PDB file of N, CA and C in Angstrom:
ATOM      1  N   GLN A   1      -2.502  25.042 -12.201  1.00  0.00           N
ATOM      2  CA  GLN A   1      -2.709  24.459 -10.650  1.00  0.00           C
ATOM      3  C   GLN A   1      -3.110  23.199 -10.298  1.00  0.00           C
ATOM      4  N   VAL A   2      -2.654  22.608  -9.709  1.00  0.00           N
ATOM      5  CA  VAL A   2      -3.042  21.222  -9.203  1.00  0.00           C
ATOM      6  C   VAL A   2      -3.801  21.253  -7.968  1.00  0.00           C
ATOM      7  N   GLN A   3      -5.322  20.521  -8.107  1.00  0.00           N
ATOM      8  CA  GLN A   3      -5.952  20.322  -7.026  1.00  0.00           C
ATOM      9  C   GLN A   3      -5.808  18.966  -6.317  1.00  0.00           C
ATOM     10  N   LEU A   4      -5.369  18.551  -5.199  1.00  0.00           N
ATOM     11  CA  LEU A   4      -5.175  17.074  -4.477  1.00  0.00           C
ATOM     12  C   LEU A   4      -6.267  17.212  -3.484  1.00  0.00           C
ATOM     13  N   VAL A   5      -6.688  15.922  -3.476  1.00  0.00           N
ATOM     14  CA  VAL A   5      -7.613  15.710  -2.401  1.00  0.00           C
ATOM     15  C   VAL A   5      -7.334  14.254  -1.926  1.00  0.00           C
ATOM     16  N   GLU A   6      -6.744  14.136  -0.457  1.00  0.00           N
ATOM     17  CA  GLU A   6      -6.414  12.732  -0.182  1.00  0.00           C
ATOM     18  C   GLU A   6      -7.601  12.231   0.689  1.00  0.00           C
ATOM     19  N   SER A   7      -7.570  10.888   0.895  1.00  0.00           N
ATOM     20  CA  SER A   7      -8.513  10.157   1.766  1.00  0.00           C
ATOM     21  C   SER A   7      -8.314   8.974   2.249  1.00  0.00           C
ATOM     22  N   GLY A   8      -8.902   8.291   3.074  1.00  0.00           N
ATOM     23  CA  GLY A   8      -8.350   6.974   3.324  1.00  0.00           C
ATOM     24  C   GLY A   8      -7.557   6.689   4.865  1.00  0.00           C
ATOM     25  N   GLY A   9      -7.319   7.842   5.452  1.00  0.00           N
ATOM     26  CA  GLY A   9      -6.875   7.935   6.540  1.00  0.00           C
ATOM     27  C   GLY A   9      -7.916   6.986   7.744  1.00  0.00           C
ATOM     28  N   GLY A  10      -7.235   7.105   9.161  1.00  0.00           N
ATOM     29  CA  GLY A  10      -8.106   6.530   9.965  1.00  0.00           C
ATOM     30  C   GLY A  10      -7.388   5.931  11.128  1.00  0.00           C
ATOM     31  N   LEU A  11      -8.185   5.171  12.244  1.00  0.00           N
ATOM     32  CA  LEU A  11      -7.708   4.407  13.272  1.00  0.00           C
ATOM     33  C   LEU A  11      -7.298   2.989  12.846  1.00  0.00           C
ATOM     34  N   VAL A  12      -6.076   2.216  13.210  1.00  0.00           N
ATOM     35  CA  VAL A  12      -5.606   1.013  12.909  1.00  0.00           C
ATOM     36  C   VAL A  12      -4.769   0.508  14.136  1.00  0.00           C
ATOM     37  N   GLN A  13      -4.985  -0.492  14.328  1.00  0.00           N
ATOM     38  CA  GLN A  13      -4.170  -1.132  15.293  1.00  0.00           C
ATOM     39  C   GLN A  13      -2.525  -1.479  14.984  1.00  0.00           C
ATOM     40  N   PRO A  14      -1.713  -1.646  15.622  1.00  0.00           N
ATOM     41  CA  PRO A  14      -0.528  -1.633  15.046  1.00  0.00           C
ATOM     42  C   PRO A  14      -0.395  -3.202  14.288  1.00  0.00           C
ATOM     43  N   GLY A  15       0.374  -3.090  13.255  1.00  0.00           N
ATOM     44  CA  GLY A  15       0.588  -4.215  12.391  1.00  0.00           C
ATOM     45  C   GLY A  15      -0.648  -4.447  11.417  1.00  0.00           C
ATOM     46  N   GLY A  16      -1.724  -3.596  11.547  1.00  0.00           N
ATOM     47  CA  GLY A  16      -2.932  -3.367  10.590  1.00  0.00           C
ATOM     48  C   GLY A  16      -2.314  -2.775   9.210  1.00  0.00           C
ATOM     49  N   SER A  17      -3.197  -1.969   8.281  1.00  0.00           N
ATOM     50  CA  SER A  17      -3.017  -1.891   6.787  1.00  0.00           C
ATOM     51  C   SER A  17      -4.031  -0.943   6.889  1.00  0.00           C
ATOM     52  N   LEU A  18      -3.518   0.354   5.991  1.00  0.00           N
ATOM     53  CA  LEU A  18      -4.436   1.260   5.260  1.00  0.00           C
ATOM     54  C   LEU A  18      -4.119   1.508   3.671  1.00  0.00           C
ATOM     55  N   ARG A  19      -4.897   1.951   3.262  1.00  0.00           N
ATOM     56  CA  ARG A  19      -4.459   2.358   1.930  1.00  0.00           C
ATOM     57  C   ARG A  19      -5.233   3.866   1.629  1.00  0.00           C
ATOM     58  N   LEU A  20      -4.124   4.960   1.300  1.00  0.00           N
ATOM     59  CA  LEU A  20      -4.679   6.210   1.252  1.00  0.00           C
ATOM     60  C   LEU A  20      -4.513   6.520  -0.394  1.00  0.00           C
ATOM     61  N   SER A  21      -5.524   7.362  -0.420  1.00  0.00           N
ATOM     62  CA  SER A  21      -5.602   7.644  -2.068  1.00  0.00           C
ATOM     63  C   SER A  21      -5.342   9.317  -2.142  1.00  0.00           C
ATOM     64  N   CYS A  22      -5.192   9.641  -3.336  1.00  0.00           N
ATOM     65  CA  CYS A  22      -5.048  11.213  -3.533  1.00  0.00           C
ATOM     66  C   CYS A  22      -5.215  11.410  -4.842  1.00  0.00           C
ATOM     67  N   ALA A  23      -6.642  12.104  -4.992  1.00  0.00           N
ATOM     68  CA  ALA A  23      -7.302  12.309  -6.414  1.00  0.00           C
ATOM     69  C   ALA A  23      -6.497  13.628  -6.898  1.00  0.00           C
ATOM     70  N   ALA A  24      -6.134  13.661  -8.171  1.00  0.00           N
ATOM     71  CA  ALA A  24      -5.770  15.176  -8.592  1.00  0.00           C
ATOM     72  C   ALA A  24      -6.504  15.552  -9.615  1.00  0.00           C
ATOM     73  N   SER A  25      -6.596  17.124  -9.926  1.00  0.00           N
ATOM     74  CA  SER A  25      -7.415  17.382 -10.938  1.00  0.00           C
ATOM     75  C   SER A  25      -6.713  19.156 -11.265  1.00  0.00           C
ATOM     76  N   GLY A  26      -7.200  19.497 -12.511  1.00  0.00           N
ATOM     77  CA  GLY A  26      -6.617  20.556 -12.856  1.00  0.00           C
ATOM     78  C   GLY A  26      -5.453  20.644 -13.650  1.00  0.00           C
ATOM     79  N   SER A  27      -4.531  19.425 -14.135  1.00  0.00           N
ATOM     80  CA  SER A  27      -3.618  19.510 -14.914  1.00  0.00           C
ATOM     81  C   SER A  27      -3.617  18.044 -15.384  1.00  0.00           C
ATOM     82  N   PRO A  28      -2.963  17.764 -16.537  1.00  0.00           N
ATOM     83  CA  PRO A  28      -2.498  16.230 -16.885  1.00  0.00           C
ATOM     84  C   PRO A  28      -1.910  15.527 -16.000  1.00  0.00           C
ATOM     85  N   PHE A  29      -2.586  14.622 -15.444  1.00  0.00           N
ATOM     86  CA  PHE A  29      -2.114  13.957 -14.337  1.00  0.00           C
ATOM     87  C   PHE A  29      -0.661  13.486 -14.583  1.00  0.00           C
ATOM     88  N   ASN A  30      -0.793  12.474 -15.793  1.00  0.00           N
ATOM     89  CA  ASN A  30       0.299  11.647 -16.069  1.00  0.00           C
ATOM     90  C   ASN A  30       1.609  12.685 -16.654  1.00  0.00           C
ATOM     91  N   SER A  31       1.505  14.176 -16.408  1.00  0.00           N
ATOM     92  CA  SER A  31       2.790  14.812 -16.687  1.00  0.00           C
ATOM     93  C   SER A  31       3.754  14.923 -15.568  1.00  0.00           C
ATOM     94  N   TYR A  32       3.429  14.579 -14.256  1.00  0.00           N
ATOM     95  CA  TYR A  32       4.474  14.766 -13.373  1.00  0.00           C
ATOM     96  C   TYR A  32       4.327  13.987 -12.362  1.00  0.00           C
ATOM     97  N   PRO A  33       5.156  13.814 -11.700  1.00  0.00           N
ATOM     98  CA  PRO A  33       5.637  13.132 -10.524  1.00  0.00           C
ATOM     99  C   PRO A  33       4.823  13.334  -9.638  1.00  0.00           C
ATOM    100  N   MET A  34       4.662  12.477  -8.475  1.00  0.00           N
ATOM    101  CA  MET A  34       3.983  12.361  -7.109  1.00  0.00           C
ATOM    102  C   MET A  34       4.848  11.963  -5.881  1.00  0.00           C
ATOM    103  N   ARG A  35       4.463  12.682  -4.534  1.00  0.00           N
ATOM    104  CA  ARG A  35       5.165  12.522  -3.399  1.00  0.00           C
ATOM    105  C   ARG A  35       3.936  12.468  -2.457  1.00  0.00           C
ATOM    106  N   TRP A  36       4.225  11.391  -1.228  1.00  0.00           N
ATOM    107  CA  TRP A  36       3.713  11.648  -0.357  1.00  0.00           C
ATOM    108  C   TRP A  36       4.401  11.995   1.191  1.00  0.00           C
ATOM    109  N   TYR A  37       4.026  12.682   1.702  1.00  0.00           N
ATOM    110  CA  TYR A  37       4.822  13.367   3.068  1.00  0.00           C
ATOM    111  C   TYR A  37       3.822  13.059   4.163  1.00  0.00           C
ATOM    112  N   ARG A  38       4.383  12.933   5.111  1.00  0.00           N
ATOM    113  CA  ARG A  38       3.488  13.186   6.596  1.00  0.00           C
ATOM    114  C   ARG A  38       4.421  14.043   7.890  1.00  0.00           C
ATOM    115  N   GLN A  39       3.354  14.454   8.550  1.00  0.00           N
ATOM    116  CA  GLN A  39       3.945  15.427   9.884  1.00  0.00           C
ATOM    117  C   GLN A  39       3.172  14.875  10.997  1.00  0.00           C
ATOM    118  N   ALA A  40       3.963  14.449  11.649  1.00  0.00           N
ATOM    119  CA  ALA A  40       3.493  13.873  13.187  1.00  0.00           C
ATOM    120  C   ALA A  40       3.289  15.019  14.034  1.00  0.00           C
ATOM    121  N   PRO A  41       2.617  15.065  15.275  1.00  0.00           N
ATOM    122  CA  PRO A  41       2.580  16.247  16.059  1.00  0.00           C
ATOM    123  C   PRO A  41       3.733  16.805  16.580  1.00  0.00           C
ATOM    124  N   GLY A  42       4.003  17.997  16.576  1.00  0.00           N
ATOM    125  CA  GLY A  42       5.017  18.718  17.059  1.00  0.00           C
ATOM    126  C   GLY A  42       6.352  18.427  16.160  1.00  0.00           C
ATOM    127  N   LYS A  43       6.521  18.114  14.960  1.00  0.00           N
ATOM    128  CA  LYS A  43       7.441  17.559  14.008  1.00  0.00           C
ATOM    129  C   LYS A  43       7.447  18.025  12.932  1.00  0.00           C
ATOM    130  N   GLU A  44       8.601  18.207  11.844  1.00  0.00           N
ATOM    131  CA  GLU A  44       8.421  18.757  10.657  1.00  0.00           C
ATOM    132  C   GLU A  44       7.994  17.601   9.738  1.00  0.00           C
ATOM    133  N   ARG A  45       7.328  18.374   8.530  1.00  0.00           N
ATOM    134  CA  ARG A  45       6.770  17.516   7.620  1.00  0.00           C
ATOM    135  C   ARG A  45       8.150  16.499   6.915  1.00  0.00           C
ATOM    136  N   ASP A  46       7.670  15.359   6.831  1.00  0.00           N
ATOM    137  CA  ASP A  46       8.957  14.576   6.119  1.00  0.00           C
ATOM    138  C   ASP A  46       8.307  13.593   5.041  1.00  0.00           C
ATOM    139  N   PHE A  47       9.182  13.613   4.225  1.00  0.00           N
ATOM    140  CA  PHE A  47       9.282  12.888   2.800  1.00  0.00           C
ATOM    141  C   PHE A  47       9.002  11.517   3.557  1.00  0.00           C
ATOM    142  N   VAL A  48       8.092  10.701   2.685  1.00  0.00           N
ATOM    143  CA  VAL A  48       7.773   9.325   2.787  1.00  0.00           C
ATOM    144  C   VAL A  48       7.880   8.421   1.339  1.00  0.00           C
ATOM    145  N   ALA A  49       7.354   8.937   0.446  1.00  0.00           N
ATOM    146  CA  ALA A  49       7.676   8.027  -0.786  1.00  0.00           C
ATOM    147  C   ALA A  49       7.356   8.886  -2.075  1.00  0.00           C
ATOM    148  N   TYR A  50       8.108   8.632  -3.185  1.00  0.00           N
ATOM    149  CA  TYR A  50       7.892   9.456  -4.588  1.00  0.00           C
ATOM    150  C   TYR A  50       7.666   8.268  -5.380  1.00  0.00           C
ATOM    151  N   ILE A  51       6.870   8.682  -6.682  1.00  0.00           N
ATOM    152  CA  ILE A  51       6.930   8.048  -7.913  1.00  0.00           C
ATOM    153  C   ILE A  51       6.908   8.845  -8.709  1.00  0.00           C
ATOM    154  N   SER A  52       7.446   8.464  -9.970  1.00  0.00           N
ATOM    155  CA  SER A  52       7.752   9.219 -11.325  1.00  0.00           C
ATOM    156  C   SER A  52       6.243   9.287 -12.061  1.00  0.00           C
ATOM    157  N   ASN A  53       6.352  10.027 -13.159  1.00  0.00           N
ATOM    158  CA  ASN A  53       5.013  10.415 -13.958  1.00  0.00           C
ATOM    159  C   ASN A  53       4.463   9.080 -14.696  1.00  0.00           C
ATOM    160  N   ALA A  54       5.295   8.345 -14.937  1.00  0.00           N
ATOM    161  CA  ALA A  54       4.595   6.926 -15.427  1.00  0.00           C
ATOM    162  C   ALA A  54       4.782   5.807 -14.663  1.00  0.00           C
ATOM    163  N   GLY A  55       5.256   6.023 -13.477  1.00  0.00           N
ATOM    164  CA  GLY A  55       5.194   5.012 -12.397  1.00  0.00           C
ATOM    165  C   GLY A  55       6.490   4.166 -12.401  1.00  0.00           C
ATOM    166  N   GLY A  56       7.458   4.287 -13.221  1.00  0.00           N
ATOM    167  CA  GLY A  56       8.525   3.417 -13.403  1.00  0.00           C
ATOM    168  C   GLY A  56       9.676   3.669 -12.251  1.00  0.00           C
ATOM    169  N   THR A  57       9.667   4.717 -11.423  1.00  0.00           N
ATOM    170  CA  THR A  57      10.696   4.899 -10.586  1.00  0.00           C
ATOM    171  C   THR A  57       9.996   5.339  -9.174  1.00  0.00           C
ATOM    172  N   ARG A  58      10.298   4.609  -8.056  1.00  0.00           N
ATOM    173  CA  ARG A  58       9.596   4.851  -6.839  1.00  0.00           C
ATOM    174  C   ARG A  58      11.118   4.778  -5.721  1.00  0.00           C
ATOM    175  N   ASN A  59      10.657   5.819  -4.776  1.00  0.00           N
ATOM    176  CA  ASN A  59      11.798   5.743  -3.637  1.00  0.00           C
ATOM    177  C   ASN A  59      10.898   6.085  -2.289  1.00  0.00           C
ATOM    178  N   TYR A  60      11.373   5.699  -1.456  1.00  0.00           N
ATOM    179  CA  TYR A  60      11.006   5.524  -0.157  1.00  0.00           C
ATOM    180  C   TYR A  60      11.955   6.036   0.791  1.00  0.00           C
ATOM    181  N   ALA A  61      11.171   6.612   2.090  1.00  0.00           N
ATOM    182  CA  ALA A  61      11.921   7.035   3.124  1.00  0.00           C
ATOM    183  C   ALA A  61      12.377   5.761   3.871  1.00  0.00           C
ATOM    184  N   ASP A  62      13.878   5.611   4.524  1.00  0.00           N
ATOM    185  CA  ASP A  62      14.076   4.493   4.978  1.00  0.00           C
ATOM    186  C   ASP A  62      13.203   3.897   6.040  1.00  0.00           C
ATOM    187  N   SER A  63      12.127   4.783   7.034  1.00  0.00           N
ATOM    188  CA  SER A  63      11.681   4.341   7.979  1.00  0.00           C
ATOM    189  C   SER A  63      10.190   3.591   7.612  1.00  0.00           C
ATOM    190  N   VAL A  64       9.932   3.444   5.995  1.00  0.00           N
ATOM    191  CA  VAL A  64       8.838   3.028   5.426  1.00  0.00           C
ATOM    192  C   VAL A  64       9.312   1.794   4.616  1.00  0.00           C
ATOM    193  N   LYS A  65      10.449   1.722   4.336  1.00  0.00           N
ATOM    194  CA  LYS A  65      10.741   0.617   3.109  1.00  0.00           C
ATOM    195  C   LYS A  65      10.562  -0.735   3.547  1.00  0.00           C
ATOM    196  N   GLY A  66       9.779  -1.429   2.544  1.00  0.00           N
ATOM    197  CA  GLY A  66       9.453  -2.607   2.655  1.00  0.00           C
ATOM    198  C   GLY A  66       8.130  -2.724   3.619  1.00  0.00           C
ATOM    199  N   ARG A  67       7.419  -1.722   3.911  1.00  0.00           N
ATOM    200  CA  ARG A  67       5.949  -1.751   4.537  1.00  0.00           C
ATOM    201  C   ARG A  67       4.975  -0.843   3.765  1.00  0.00           C
ATOM    202  N   PHE A  68       5.419   0.192   3.133  1.00  0.00           N
ATOM    203  CA  PHE A  68       4.806   1.051   2.048  1.00  0.00           C
ATOM    204  C   PHE A  68       5.054   0.700   0.622  1.00  0.00           C
ATOM    205  N   THR A  69       3.855   0.749   0.014  1.00  0.00           N
ATOM    206  CA  THR A  69       4.082   1.030  -1.383  1.00  0.00           C
ATOM    207  C   THR A  69       3.276   2.099  -2.024  1.00  0.00           C
ATOM    208  N   ILE A  70       3.849   2.973  -2.860  1.00  0.00           N
ATOM    209  CA  ILE A  70       3.143   3.884  -3.750  1.00  0.00           C
ATOM    210  C   ILE A  70       3.001   3.284  -5.221  1.00  0.00           C
ATOM    211  N   SER A  71       1.772   3.679  -5.549  1.00  0.00           N
ATOM    212  CA  SER A  71       1.348   3.379  -6.948  1.00  0.00           C
ATOM    213  C   SER A  71       0.533   4.547  -7.591  1.00  0.00           C
ATOM    214  N   ARG A  72      -0.013   4.325  -8.862  1.00  0.00           N
ATOM    215  CA  ARG A  72      -0.725   5.286  -9.344  1.00  0.00           C
ATOM    216  C   ARG A  72      -1.234   4.574 -10.523  1.00  0.00           C
ATOM    217  N   ASP A  73      -2.569   5.506 -10.824  1.00  0.00           N
ATOM    218  CA  ASP A  73      -3.525   5.307 -11.711  1.00  0.00           C
ATOM    219  C   ASP A  73      -3.629   6.439 -12.494  1.00  0.00           C
ATOM    220  N   ASN A  74      -2.952   6.299 -13.687  1.00  0.00           N
ATOM    221  CA  ASN A  74      -3.126   7.487 -14.192  1.00  0.00           C
ATOM    222  C   ASN A  74      -4.635   7.873 -14.930  1.00  0.00           C
ATOM    223  N   ALA A  75      -5.474   6.679 -15.318  1.00  0.00           N
ATOM    224  CA  ALA A  75      -6.318   6.609 -15.729  1.00  0.00           C
ATOM    225  C   ALA A  75      -7.293   7.323 -14.926  1.00  0.00           C
ATOM    226  N   LYS A  76      -6.969   7.203 -13.959  1.00  0.00           N
ATOM    227  CA  LYS A  76      -8.296   7.607 -12.540  1.00  0.00           C
ATOM    228  C   LYS A  76      -7.402   9.098 -12.111  1.00  0.00           C
ATOM    229  N   ASN A  77      -6.428   9.344 -12.176  1.00  0.00           N
ATOM    230  CA  ASN A  77      -5.722  10.642 -12.084  1.00  0.00           C
ATOM    231  C   ASN A  77      -5.460  10.607 -10.292  1.00  0.00           C
ATOM    232  N   THR A  78      -5.230   9.146  -9.986  1.00  0.00           N
ATOM    233  CA  THR A  78      -4.951   9.106  -8.429  1.00  0.00           C
ATOM    234  C   THR A  78      -3.508   8.317  -8.276  1.00  0.00           C
ATOM    235  N   VAL A  79      -3.179   8.692  -7.086  1.00  0.00           N
ATOM    236  CA  VAL A  79      -1.991   8.185  -6.559  1.00  0.00           C
ATOM    237  C   VAL A  79      -2.570   7.472  -5.232  1.00  0.00           C
ATOM    238  N   TYR A  80      -1.547   6.422  -4.801  1.00  0.00           N
ATOM    239  CA  TYR A  80      -2.096   5.911  -3.807  1.00  0.00           C
ATOM    240  C   TYR A  80      -0.882   5.533  -2.694  1.00  0.00           C
ATOM    241  N   LEU A  81      -1.164   5.135  -1.464  1.00  0.00           N
ATOM    242  CA  LEU A  81      -0.137   4.617  -0.754  1.00  0.00           C
ATOM    243  C   LEU A  81      -0.535   3.384   0.058  1.00  0.00           C
ATOM    244  N   GLN A  82      -0.303   2.463  -0.200  1.00  0.00           N
ATOM    245  CA  GLN A  82      -0.732   1.083   0.440  1.00  0.00           C
ATOM    246  C   GLN A  82       0.494   0.966   1.944  1.00  0.00           C
ATOM    247  N   MET A  83      -0.338   0.948   2.826  1.00  0.00           N
ATOM    248  CA  MET A  83       0.514   0.937   4.199  1.00  0.00           C
ATOM    249  C   MET A  83       0.161  -0.451   5.016  1.00  0.00           C
ATOM    250  N   ASP A  84       1.430  -1.254   5.191  1.00  0.00           N
ATOM    251  CA  ASP A  84       1.230  -2.415   5.740  1.00  0.00           C
ATOM    252  C   ASP A  84       2.069  -2.508   6.915  1.00  0.00           C
ATOM    253  N   ASN A  85       1.571  -3.491   8.110  1.00  0.00           N
ATOM    254  CA  ASN A  85       2.550  -3.636   9.090  1.00  0.00           C
ATOM    255  C   ASN A  85       2.725  -2.152   9.922  1.00  0.00           C
ATOM    256  N   LEU A  86       1.619  -1.475  10.233  1.00  0.00           N
ATOM    257  CA  LEU A  86       1.612  -0.289  10.482  1.00  0.00           C
ATOM    258  C   LEU A  86       2.241  -0.141  12.119  1.00  0.00           C
ATOM    259  N   LYS A  87       3.077   1.038  12.316  1.00  0.00           N
ATOM    260  CA  LYS A  87       3.387   0.936  13.600  1.00  0.00           C
ATOM    261  C   LYS A  87       3.212   2.320  14.196  1.00  0.00           C
ATOM    262  N   PRO A  88       2.795   2.545  15.633  1.00  0.00           N
ATOM    263  CA  PRO A  88       2.714   3.596  16.305  1.00  0.00           C
ATOM    264  C   PRO A  88       3.247   4.764  15.730  1.00  0.00           C
ATOM    265  N   GLU A  89       4.625   4.790  15.407  1.00  0.00           N
ATOM    266  CA  GLU A  89       5.402   5.878  15.060  1.00  0.00           C
ATOM    267  C   GLU A  89       5.016   6.292  13.516  1.00  0.00           C
ATOM    268  N   ASP A  90       4.032   5.364  12.842  1.00  0.00           N
ATOM    269  CA  ASP A  90       3.554   6.042  11.607  1.00  0.00           C
ATOM    270  C   ASP A  90       2.461   7.069  11.820  1.00  0.00           C
ATOM    271  N   THR A  91       1.877   7.323  13.041  1.00  0.00           N
ATOM    272  CA  THR A  91       0.980   8.371  13.563  1.00  0.00           C
ATOM    273  C   THR A  91       1.347   9.425  13.031  1.00  0.00           C
ATOM    274  N   ALA A  92       0.298  10.231  11.709  1.00  0.00           N
ATOM    275  CA  ALA A  92       0.815  11.317  11.392  1.00  0.00           C
ATOM    276  C   ALA A  92      -0.306  12.035  10.410  1.00  0.00           C
ATOM    277  N   ILE A  93      -0.401  13.082  10.060  1.00  0.00           N
ATOM    278  CA  ILE A  93      -1.218  13.473   9.043  1.00  0.00           C
ATOM    279  C   ILE A  93      -0.365  13.475   7.674  1.00  0.00           C
ATOM    280  N   TYR A  94      -1.000  12.824   6.739  1.00  0.00           N
ATOM    281  CA  TYR A  94      -0.337  12.243   5.506  1.00  0.00           C
ATOM    282  C   TYR A  94      -0.994  13.325   4.602  1.00  0.00           C
ATOM    283  N   TYR A  95      -0.031  13.633   3.613  1.00  0.00           N
ATOM    284  CA  TYR A  95      -0.220  14.765   2.499  1.00  0.00           C
ATOM    285  C   TYR A  95       0.135  14.046   1.270  1.00  0.00           C
ATOM    286  N   CYS A  96      -0.245  14.539   0.344  1.00  0.00           N
ATOM    287  CA  CYS A  96       0.385  14.189  -1.225  1.00  0.00           C
ATOM    288  C   CYS A  96       0.646  15.679  -1.763  1.00  0.00           C
ATOM    289  N   LYS A  97       1.580  15.456  -2.547  1.00  0.00           N
ATOM    290  CA  LYS A  97       2.285  16.563  -3.003  1.00  0.00           C
ATOM    291  C   LYS A  97       2.560  16.478  -4.393  1.00  0.00           C
ATOM    292  N   THR A  98       2.250  17.563  -5.183  1.00  0.00           N
ATOM    293  CA  THR A  98       3.018  17.449  -6.953  1.00  0.00           C
ATOM    294  C   THR A  98       3.438  18.918  -7.311  1.00  0.00           C
ATOM    295  N   LEU A  99       4.078  19.194  -7.842  1.00  0.00           N
ATOM    296  CA  LEU A  99       4.886  20.493  -8.386  1.00  0.00           C
ATOM    297  C   LEU A  99       4.800  21.445  -6.733  1.00  0.00           C
ATOM    298  N   SER A 100       3.896  22.491  -6.990  1.00  0.00           N
ATOM    299  CA  SER A 100       4.323  23.019  -5.660  1.00  0.00           C
ATOM    300  C   SER A 100       2.570  23.055  -4.952  1.00  0.00           C
ATOM    301  N   SER A 101       2.013  21.811  -5.222  1.00  0.00           N
ATOM    302  CA  SER A 101       0.209  21.976  -4.813  1.00  0.00           C
ATOM    303  C   SER A 101       0.667  21.036  -3.783  1.00  0.00           C
ATOM    304  N   TRP A 102      -0.268  20.730  -2.825  1.00  0.00           N
ATOM    305  CA  TRP A 102      -0.295  20.118  -1.628  1.00  0.00           C
ATOM    306  C   TRP A 102      -2.018  19.854  -1.248  1.00  0.00           C
ATOM    307  N   GLY A 103      -2.102  18.557  -0.958  1.00  0.00           N
ATOM    308  CA  GLY A 103      -3.453  18.338  -0.725  1.00  0.00           C
ATOM    309  C   GLY A 103      -3.541  18.906   0.906  1.00  0.00           C
ATOM    310  N   GLN A 104      -5.131  18.586   1.337  1.00  0.00           N
ATOM    311  CA  GLN A 104      -5.165  19.153   2.647  1.00  0.00           C
ATOM    312  C   GLN A 104      -4.855  18.161   3.848  1.00  0.00           C
ATOM    313  N   GLY A 105      -4.463  16.922   3.516  1.00  0.00           N
ATOM    314  CA  GLY A 105      -4.064  15.694   4.523  1.00  0.00           C
ATOM    315  C   GLY A 105      -5.297  15.071   4.873  1.00  0.00           C
ATOM    316  N   THR A 106      -4.689  13.694   5.443  1.00  0.00           N
ATOM    317  CA  THR A 106      -5.528  12.853   5.690  1.00  0.00           C
ATOM    318  C   THR A 106      -4.787  12.135   7.243  1.00  0.00           C
ATOM    319  N   GLN A 107      -5.586  11.995   8.185  1.00  0.00           N
ATOM    320  CA  GLN A 107      -5.267  11.920   9.573  1.00  0.00           C
ATOM    321  C   GLN A 107      -4.814  10.055   9.694  1.00  0.00           C
ATOM    322  N   VAL A 108      -3.714   9.731  10.270  1.00  0.00           N
ATOM    323  CA  VAL A 108      -3.572   8.101  10.092  1.00  0.00           C
ATOM    324  C   VAL A 108      -3.105   8.171  11.616  1.00  0.00           C
ATOM    325  N   THR A 109      -3.733   7.664  12.356  1.00  0.00           N
ATOM    326  CA  THR A 109      -3.500   6.974  13.836  1.00  0.00           C
ATOM    327  C   THR A 109      -3.327   5.456  14.268  1.00  0.00           C
ATOM    328  N   VAL A 110      -2.136   5.089  14.337  1.00  0.00           N
ATOM    329  CA  VAL A 110      -1.784   3.822  14.823  1.00  0.00           C
ATOM    330  C   VAL A 110      -1.953   3.579  16.442  1.00  0.00           C
ATOM    331  N   SER A 111      -2.720   2.772  16.961  1.00  0.00           N
ATOM    332  CA  SER A 111      -2.611   2.803  18.441  1.00  0.00           C
ATOM    333  C   SER A 111      -3.520   1.542  18.665  1.00  0.00           C
ATOM    334  N   SER A 112      -3.438   1.008  19.835  1.00  0.00           N
ATOM    335  CA  SER A 112      -4.057  -0.187  20.323  1.00  0.00           C
ATOM    336  C   SER A 112      -5.283   0.302  21.267  1.00  0.00           C
TER     337      SER A 112
END
């Protein structure tokens, strides 16, 4: 079982940036791919980004393509989500996921 802990959320103005982190423990980190999801109030949880176990393959939801970048540091057992040019519609709780494990989420609010 993998344990995941997200951090880095907060309040940011439109056009600003945040970097989310997700620290993993409990299983060899470089053995599995990682994903970020988000859930806005009253909406379903949606896919945001994917990175393969070695980092060679990355995929993004159309809504964040060109603004968000997923990366990972296998030596630190951590996956990141760099979010630039944030928009109010990016406001959500952001979760990392791997295999069947989810983190607890971190709140991102984009507002002036």
